[in-house]
C-alpha atoms as a PDB file:
ATOM      1  CA  MET A   1      35.136 -44.751   2.243  1.00  0.00           C
ATOM      2  CA  ALA A   2      32.144 -43.791   0.083  1.00  0.00           C
ATOM      3  CA  LYS A   3      29.981 -40.986   1.410  1.00  0.00           C
ATOM      4  CA  LEU A   4      26.614 -39.382   0.664  1.00  0.00           C
ATOM      5  CA  ASN A   5      25.651 -35.784   1.367  1.00  0.00           C
ATOM      6  CA  ILE A   6      22.806 -35.102   3.785  1.00  0.00           C
ATOM      7  CA  ILE A   7      20.621 -32.337   2.367  1.00  0.00           C
ATOM      8  CA  ASP A   8      17.766 -30.186   3.585  1.00  0.00           C
ATOM      9  CA  LEU A   9      14.557 -29.547   1.644  1.00  0.00           C
ATOM     10  CA  SER A  10      16.237 -26.834  -0.437  1.00  0.00           C
ATOM     11  CA  ASN A  11      18.995 -29.267  -1.523  1.00  0.00           C
ATOM     12  CA  LYS A  12      21.678 -27.622   0.628  1.00  0.00           C
ATOM     13  CA  SER A  13      24.271 -29.916   2.158  1.00  0.00           C
ATOM     14  CA  VAL A  14      24.081 -30.104   5.971  1.00  0.00           C
ATOM     15  CA  GLY A  15      26.341 -33.086   6.583  1.00  0.00           C
ATOM     16  CA  GLU A  16      27.601 -36.427   5.329  1.00  0.00           C
ATOM     17  CA  ILE A  17      26.899 -40.084   5.881  1.00  0.00           C
ATOM     18  CA  GLU A  18      29.320 -42.912   5.243  1.00  0.00           C
ATOM     19  CA  ILE A  19      28.358 -46.020   3.294  1.00  0.00           C
ATOM     20  CA  SER A  20      29.618 -49.196   4.874  1.00  0.00           C
ATOM     21  CA  LYS A  21      32.437 -51.016   3.129  1.00  0.00           C
ATOM     22  CA  ASP A  22      30.252 -54.129   2.808  1.00  0.00           C
ATOM     23  CA  ILE A  23      27.841 -52.207   0.572  1.00  0.00           C
ATOM     24  CA  ALA A  24      30.256 -49.899  -1.229  1.00  0.00           C
ATOM     25  CA  GLU A  25      32.509 -52.767  -2.328  1.00  0.00           C
ATOM     26  CA  ALA A  26      29.883 -55.490  -2.657  1.00  0.00           C
ATOM     27  CA  LYS A  27      29.876 -57.746  -5.682  1.00  0.00           C
ATOM     28  CA  VAL A  28      26.542 -58.289  -7.422  1.00  0.00           C
ATOM     29  CA  ALA A  29      24.940 -61.566  -6.329  1.00  0.00           C
ATOM     30  CA  LYS A  30      22.880 -62.195  -9.458  1.00  0.00           C
ATOM     31  CA  GLN A  31      21.258 -65.396  -8.228  1.00  0.00           C
ATOM     32  CA  ALA A  32      20.225 -63.825  -4.918  1.00  0.00           C
ATOM     33  CA  LEU A  33      18.725 -60.844  -6.767  1.00  0.00           C
ATOM     34  CA  PHE A  34      16.885 -63.152  -9.138  1.00  0.00           C
ATOM     35  CA  ASP A  35      15.459 -65.275  -6.299  1.00  0.00           C
ATOM     36  CA  GLU A  36      14.362 -62.229  -4.300  1.00  0.00           C
ATOM     37  CA  ILE A  37      12.665 -60.502  -7.245  1.00  0.00           C
ATOM     38  CA  ILE A  38      10.855 -63.661  -8.364  1.00  0.00           C
ATOM     39  CA  ALA A  39       9.690 -64.308  -4.796  1.00  0.00           C
ATOM     40  CA  GLU A  40       8.349 -60.768  -4.338  1.00  0.00           C
ATOM     41  CA  GLN A  41       6.563 -60.685  -7.677  1.00  0.00           C
ATOM     42  CA  ALA A  42       5.072 -64.130  -7.070  1.00  0.00           C
ATOM     43  CA  GLY A  43       3.897 -63.078  -3.621  1.00  0.00           C
ATOM     44  CA  LYS A  44       1.849 -60.257  -5.144  1.00  0.00           C
ATOM     45  CA  ARG A  45      -0.194 -62.625  -7.299  1.00  0.00           C
ATOM     46  CA  GLN A  46      -3.749 -63.023  -6.027  1.00  0.00           C
ATOM     47  CA  GLY A  47      -4.196 -66.570  -7.286  1.00  0.00           C
ATOM     48  CA  THR A  48      -7.912 -65.998  -7.907  1.00  0.00           C
ATOM     49  CA  HIS A  49      -8.003 -67.052 -11.568  1.00  0.00           C
ATOM     50  CA  SER A  50     -10.299 -70.005 -12.266  1.00  0.00           C
ATOM     51  CA  THR A  51     -11.402 -72.232 -15.138  1.00  0.00           C
ATOM     52  CA  LEU A  52     -14.422 -74.506 -15.445  1.00  0.00           C
ATOM     53  CA  THR A  53     -14.078 -78.264 -15.547  1.00  0.00           C
ATOM     54  CA  LYS A  54     -16.347 -80.521 -17.622  1.00  0.00           C
ATOM     55  CA  ALA A  55     -18.678 -80.880 -14.640  1.00  0.00           C
ATOM     56  CA  GLU A  56     -18.964 -77.107 -14.161  1.00  0.00           C
ATOM     57  CA  VAL A  57     -19.628 -76.013 -17.759  1.00  0.00           C
ATOM     58  CA  ARG A  58     -23.281 -75.261 -18.421  1.00  0.00           C
ATOM     59  CA  GLY A  59     -25.186 -77.452 -20.886  1.00  0.00           C
ATOM     60  CA  GLY A  60     -24.216 -80.678 -22.597  1.00  0.00           C
ATOM     61  CA  GLY A  61     -26.797 -82.896 -20.933  1.00  0.00           C
ATOM     62  CA  LYS A  62     -27.983 -84.406 -24.202  1.00  0.00           C
ATOM     63  CA  LYS A  63     -25.881 -87.004 -25.990  1.00  0.00           C
ATOM     64  CA  PRO A  64     -24.663 -85.195 -29.149  1.00  0.00           C
ATOM     65  CA  VAL A  65     -24.670 -88.172 -31.559  1.00  0.00           C
ATOM     66  CA  PRO A  66     -25.930 -91.766 -31.397  1.00  0.00           C
ATOM     67  CA  GLN A  67     -23.676 -94.259 -29.654  1.00  0.00           C
ATOM     68  CA  LYS A  68     -23.354 -96.560 -32.680  1.00  0.00           C
ATOM     69  CA  HIS A  69     -23.489 -96.630 -36.477  1.00  0.00           C
ATOM     70  CA  THR A  70     -21.957 -93.192 -37.104  1.00  0.00           C
ATOM     71  CA  GLY A  71     -18.530 -94.425 -38.144  1.00  0.00           C
ATOM     72  CA  ASN A  72     -16.967 -92.033 -35.686  1.00  0.00           C
ATOM     73  CA  ALA A  73     -15.871 -92.208 -32.067  1.00  0.00           C
ATOM     74  CA  ARG A  74     -18.422 -92.260 -29.281  1.00  0.00           C
ATOM     75  CA  GLN A  75     -19.336 -88.847 -27.876  1.00  0.00           C
ATOM     76  CA  GLY A  76     -20.903 -88.471 -24.464  1.00  0.00           C
ATOM     77  CA  SER A  77     -21.210 -84.697 -24.128  1.00  0.00           C
ATOM     78  CA  ILE A  78     -20.511 -81.512 -26.084  1.00  0.00           C
ATOM     79  CA  ARG A  79     -18.878 -80.209 -22.890  1.00  0.00           C
ATOM     80  CA  ASN A  80     -16.010 -82.673 -23.150  1.00  0.00           C
ATOM     81  CA  PRO A  81     -12.606 -80.888 -23.180  1.00  0.00           C
ATOM     82  CA  HIS A  82     -11.963 -81.474 -26.898  1.00  0.00           C
ATOM     83  CA  TYR A  83     -15.104 -79.533 -27.889  1.00  0.00           C
ATOM     84  CA  VAL A  84     -15.111 -75.753 -28.317  1.00  0.00           C
ATOM     85  CA  GLY A  85     -16.759 -74.378 -25.189  1.00  0.00           C
ATOM     86  CA  GLY A  86     -16.001 -77.534 -23.279  1.00  0.00           C
ATOM     87  CA  GLY A  87     -14.399 -77.866 -19.870  1.00  0.00           C
ATOM     88  CA  VAL A  88     -10.685 -77.333 -19.203  1.00  0.00           C
ATOM     89  CA  VAL A  89      -8.483 -80.203 -18.096  1.00  0.00           C
ATOM     90  CA  PHE A  90      -6.132 -79.400 -15.198  1.00  0.00           C
ATOM     91  CA  GLY A  91      -6.829 -75.655 -15.532  1.00  0.00           C
ATOM     92  CA  PRO A  92      -6.005 -73.179 -12.728  1.00  0.00           C
ATOM     93  CA  LYS A  93      -8.365 -72.995  -9.773  1.00  0.00           C
ATOM     94  CA  PRO A  94      -8.628 -70.257  -7.111  1.00  0.00           C
ATOM     95  CA  ASN A  95      -6.613 -70.012  -3.870  1.00  0.00           C
ATOM     96  CA  ARG A  96      -3.430 -71.332  -5.434  1.00  0.00           C
ATOM     97  CA  ASN A  97      -0.356 -70.417  -3.411  1.00  0.00           C
ATOM     98  CA  TYR A  98       2.364 -68.779  -5.508  1.00  0.00           C
ATOM     99  CA  THR A  99       4.708 -67.836  -2.678  1.00  0.00           C
ATOM    100  CA  HIS A 100       8.397 -68.667  -2.934  1.00  0.00           C
ATOM    101  CA  LYS A 101      10.548 -69.048   0.129  1.00  0.00           C
ATOM    102  CA  VAL A 102      13.729 -66.996   0.273  1.00  0.00           C
ATOM    103  CA  ASN A 103      16.133 -67.443   3.159  1.00  0.00           C
ATOM    104  CA  LYS A 104      16.924 -64.371   5.254  1.00  0.00           C
ATOM    105  CA  LYS A 105      20.604 -64.428   4.309  1.00  0.00           C
ATOM    106  CA  VAL A 106      19.724 -64.591   0.602  1.00  0.00           C
ATOM    107  CA  ALA A 107      17.306 -61.648   0.955  1.00  0.00           C
ATOM    108  CA  GLN A 108      19.955 -59.655   2.825  1.00  0.00           C
ATOM    109  CA  LEU A 109      22.574 -60.453   0.181  1.00  0.00           C
ATOM    110  CA  ALA A 110      20.144 -59.339  -2.545  1.00  0.00           C
ATOM    111  CA  LEU A 111      19.480 -56.052  -0.702  1.00  0.00           C
ATOM    112  CA  ILE A 112      23.211 -55.350  -0.331  1.00  0.00           C
ATOM    113  CA  SER A 113      23.751 -56.110  -4.028  1.00  0.00           C
ATOM    114  CA  ALA A 114      20.909 -53.790  -5.041  1.00  0.00           C
ATOM    115  CA  LEU A 115      22.119 -50.939  -2.806  1.00  0.00           C
ATOM    116  CA  SER A 116      25.681 -51.248  -4.076  1.00  0.00           C
ATOM    117  CA  GLN A 117      24.429 -50.694  -7.626  1.00  0.00           C
ATOM    118  CA  ARG A 118      22.210 -47.714  -6.776  1.00  0.00           C
ATOM    119  CA  THR A 119      24.326 -45.534  -4.461  1.00  0.00           C
ATOM    120  CA  LYS A 120      24.499 -42.790  -7.128  1.00  0.00           C
ATOM    121  CA  ASP A 121      20.689 -42.609  -7.159  1.00  0.00           C
ATOM    122  CA  ILE A 122      20.264 -42.217  -3.382  1.00  0.00           C
ATOM    123  CA  PHE A 123      19.499 -38.880  -1.702  1.00  0.00           C
ATOM    124  CA  VAL A 124      19.643 -38.469   2.079  1.00  0.00           C
ATOM    125  CA  VAL A 125      17.426 -35.828   3.712  1.00  0.00           C
ATOM    126  CA  ASP A 126      18.058 -34.360   7.149  1.00  0.00           C
ATOM    127  CA  ASP A 127      15.802 -35.796   9.880  1.00  0.00           C
ATOM    128  CA  ALA A 128      14.798 -32.371  11.204  1.00  0.00           C
ATOM    129  CA  ALA A 129      13.632 -31.348   7.722  1.00  0.00           C
ATOM    130  CA  VAL A 130      11.647 -34.572   7.290  1.00  0.00           C
ATOM    131  CA  LYS A 131       9.725 -34.072  10.553  1.00  0.00           C
ATOM    132  CA  LYS A 132       8.553 -30.601   9.475  1.00  0.00           C
ATOM    133  CA  ALA A 133       7.843 -31.467   5.829  1.00  0.00           C
ATOM    134  CA  LYS A 134       4.454 -32.072   4.254  1.00  0.00           C
ATOM    135  CA  THR A 135       3.389 -33.259   0.808  1.00  0.00           C
ATOM    136  CA  LYS A 136       4.089 -29.925  -0.917  1.00  0.00           C
ATOM    137  CA  ASP A 137       7.555 -29.778   0.658  1.00  0.00           C
ATOM    138  CA  PHE A 138       8.521 -33.234  -0.615  1.00  0.00           C
ATOM    139  CA  ALA A 139       7.079 -32.410  -4.047  1.00  0.00           C
ATOM    140  CA  LYS A 140       9.132 -29.205  -4.108  1.00  0.00           C
ATOM    141  CA  LEU A 141      12.264 -31.158  -3.131  1.00  0.00           C
ATOM    142  CA  MET A 142      11.701 -33.589  -5.999  1.00  0.00           C
ATOM    143  CA  LYS A 143      11.354 -30.660  -8.383  1.00  0.00           C
ATOM    144  CA  THR A 144      14.575 -29.126  -7.029  1.00  0.00           C
ATOM    145  CA  LEU A 145      16.374 -32.453  -7.502  1.00  0.00           C
ATOM    146  CA  LYS A 146      14.869 -32.680 -11.019  1.00  0.00           C
ATOM    147  CA  ILE A 147      13.329 -36.081 -10.337  1.00  0.00           C
ATOM    148  CA  ASN A 148       9.630 -35.177 -10.392  1.00  0.00           C
ATOM    149  CA  GLY A 149       7.611 -37.509 -12.583  1.00  0.00           C
ATOM    150  CA  GLN A 150      10.029 -40.392 -11.982  1.00  0.00           C
ATOM    151  CA  ARG A 151       9.426 -43.492  -9.890  1.00  0.00           C
ATOM    152  CA  VAL A 152      10.778 -42.562  -6.450  1.00  0.00           C
ATOM    153  CA  LEU A 153      11.172 -44.681  -3.327  1.00  0.00           C
ATOM    154  CA  PHE A 154      10.980 -42.917   0.039  1.00  0.00           C
ATOM    155  CA  GLY A 155      12.452 -44.766   3.009  1.00  0.00           C
ATOM    156  CA  PHE A 156      11.763 -43.589   6.555  1.00  0.00           C
ATOM    157  CA  CYS A 157      12.339 -44.825  10.087  1.00  0.00           C
ATOM    158  CA  ALA A 158       9.475 -45.750  12.428  1.00  0.00           C
ATOM    159  CA  ALA A 159       9.317 -42.252  13.939  1.00  0.00           C
ATOM    160  CA  ASP A 160       8.384 -40.701  10.574  1.00  0.00           C
ATOM    161  CA  LYS A 161       4.938 -42.239  10.057  1.00  0.00           C
ATOM    162  CA  ASN A 162       3.452 -38.871   9.072  1.00  0.00           C
ATOM    163  CA  ALA A 163       6.086 -38.478   6.365  1.00  0.00           C
ATOM    164  CA  ILE A 164       4.983 -41.817   4.903  1.00  0.00           C
ATOM    165  CA  LYS A 165       1.405 -40.528   4.668  1.00  0.00           C
ATOM    166  CA  PHE A 166       2.501 -37.269   3.038  1.00  0.00           C
ATOM    167  CA  THR A 167       4.765 -38.869   0.417  1.00  0.00           C
ATOM    168  CA  ARG A 168       2.133 -41.426  -0.578  1.00  0.00           C
ATOM    169  CA  ASN A 169       0.129 -38.545  -2.018  1.00  0.00           C
ATOM    170  CA  ILE A 170       2.848 -37.902  -4.608  1.00  0.00           C
ATOM    171  CA  ASN A 171       2.417 -39.414  -8.071  1.00  0.00           C
ATOM    172  CA  LYS A 172       4.739 -42.376  -8.811  1.00  0.00           C
ATOM    173  CA  ALA A 173       6.117 -42.344  -5.248  1.00  0.00           C
ATOM    174  CA  ASP A 174       6.378 -45.376  -2.983  1.00  0.00           C
ATOM    175  CA  ALA A 175       6.889 -44.834   0.746  1.00  0.00           C
ATOM    176  CA  LYS A 176       8.008 -47.528   3.170  1.00  0.00           C
ATOM    177  CA  LEU A 177       9.628 -48.026   6.530  1.00  0.00           C
ATOM    178  CA  VAL A 178      13.296 -48.719   5.943  1.00  0.00           C
ATOM    179  CA  ASN A 179      13.069 -52.185   7.519  1.00  0.00           C
ATOM    180  CA  GLN A 180      10.446 -53.095   4.898  1.00  0.00           C
ATOM    181  CA  VAL A 181      12.495 -52.013   1.881  1.00  0.00           C
ATOM    182  CA  SER A 182      13.516 -54.920  -0.345  1.00  0.00           C
ATOM    183  CA  ALA A 183      15.960 -55.380  -3.201  1.00  0.00           C
ATOM    184  CA  TYR A 184      13.027 -55.271  -5.620  1.00  0.00           C
ATOM    185  CA  ASP A 185      11.980 -51.841  -4.267  1.00  0.00           C
ATOM    186  CA  ILE A 186      15.516 -50.513  -4.713  1.00  0.00           C
ATOM    187  CA  LEU A 187      15.832 -51.752  -8.298  1.00  0.00           C
ATOM    188  CA  LYS A 188      12.323 -50.686  -9.340  1.00  0.00           C
ATOM    189  CA  ALA A 189      12.768 -47.055  -8.299  1.00  0.00           C
ATOM    190  CA  LYS A 190      14.562 -44.550 -10.516  1.00  0.00           C
ATOM    191  CA  LYS A 191      15.625 -42.502  -7.497  1.00  0.00           C
ATOM    192  CA  ILE A 192      15.699 -43.235  -3.765  1.00  0.00           C
ATOM    193  CA  ILE A 193      15.233 -40.764  -0.912  1.00  0.00           C
ATOM    194  CA  PHE A 194      16.039 -41.769   2.681  1.00  0.00           C
ATOM    195  CA  CYS A 195      15.841 -39.748   5.854  1.00  0.00           C
ATOM    196  CA  ALA A 196      19.216 -39.659   7.625  1.00  0.00           C
ATOM    197  CA  LYS A 197      18.282 -42.211  10.298  1.00  0.00           C
ATOM    198  CA  ALA A 198      16.893 -44.603   7.710  1.00  0.00           C
ATOM    199  CA  ALA A 199      19.981 -44.192   5.534  1.00  0.00           C
ATOM    200  CA  ASN A 200      22.219 -44.830   8.519  1.00  0.00           C
ATOM    201  CA  GLN A 201      20.239 -47.976   9.271  1.00  0.00           C
ATOM    202  CA  ILE A 202      20.143 -49.471   5.780  1.00  0.00           C
ATOM    203  CA  LEU A 203      23.527 -48.300   4.526  1.00  0.00           C
ATOM    204  CA  GLY A 204      25.300 -49.198   7.739  1.00  0.00           C
ATOM    205  CA  GLY A 205      27.273 -45.988   7.847  1.00  0.00           C
ATOM    206  CA  LYS A 206      28.014 -43.325  10.409  1.00  0.00           C
ATOM    207  CA  LYS A 207      26.824 -39.701  10.483  1.00  0.00           C
END
C-alpha cells in the first residue's frame, strides 16, 4: 500500500497516510481527463466577445455606385460584409454559453487519474500545524520544501477557512476546499499541499 508522510511546518515527519488502492493503482483515463479539462477551461470563458453586423456598423447610408451602367455588380452599401470595414456575417455575439456537461462519474474518474499521476508531488501537512499557521508560516514551509516560486495547489477541509485566506496571499498559489479540487487543478499545479484531513478525504486513505 502506497503511503505519504504527514509533516509539520518544519518538514518533520509526524505520521503517515495511506493512499487508497483505487488511486495508487489507477490506470490513466485519457478521455475522461480530456473531457474534464476541456469542460473546465470552457466554463471559464466569459463569452462577452461581440462583432458588428451590417446593420450595426456605422455609416454606409449612401449608395456607393450607380445601380446601372457601371459594368460591375450592383452595390447597395459600403458596409456590406465583402467591403473592408463592413459588417461580419455570423460573427460571435455576447452571452454565448460555452459550458460543456461532464457526468459526475467521468469527473471522478478524471480526478482519480490525475491524482494517481501526481502522488510524488503531494505533501501532507498535519492538521494541528495548519490551524496555527499564517501566511508567513506557509511561505516558510514552501521555502523549506524548495518549492517557492512554483505553482502550488493548497487543499483544505471546510474547517480551515482561515488557512485558505492566508495561502491566497502567496504568489502562484491556489487554495481550495478539497471537495472543490478538480483534475485540472491537480494537473496544473507543480506541487500539491493538503492538510491531513483533506488528504484523507481525497486520497481515500487512513491515518
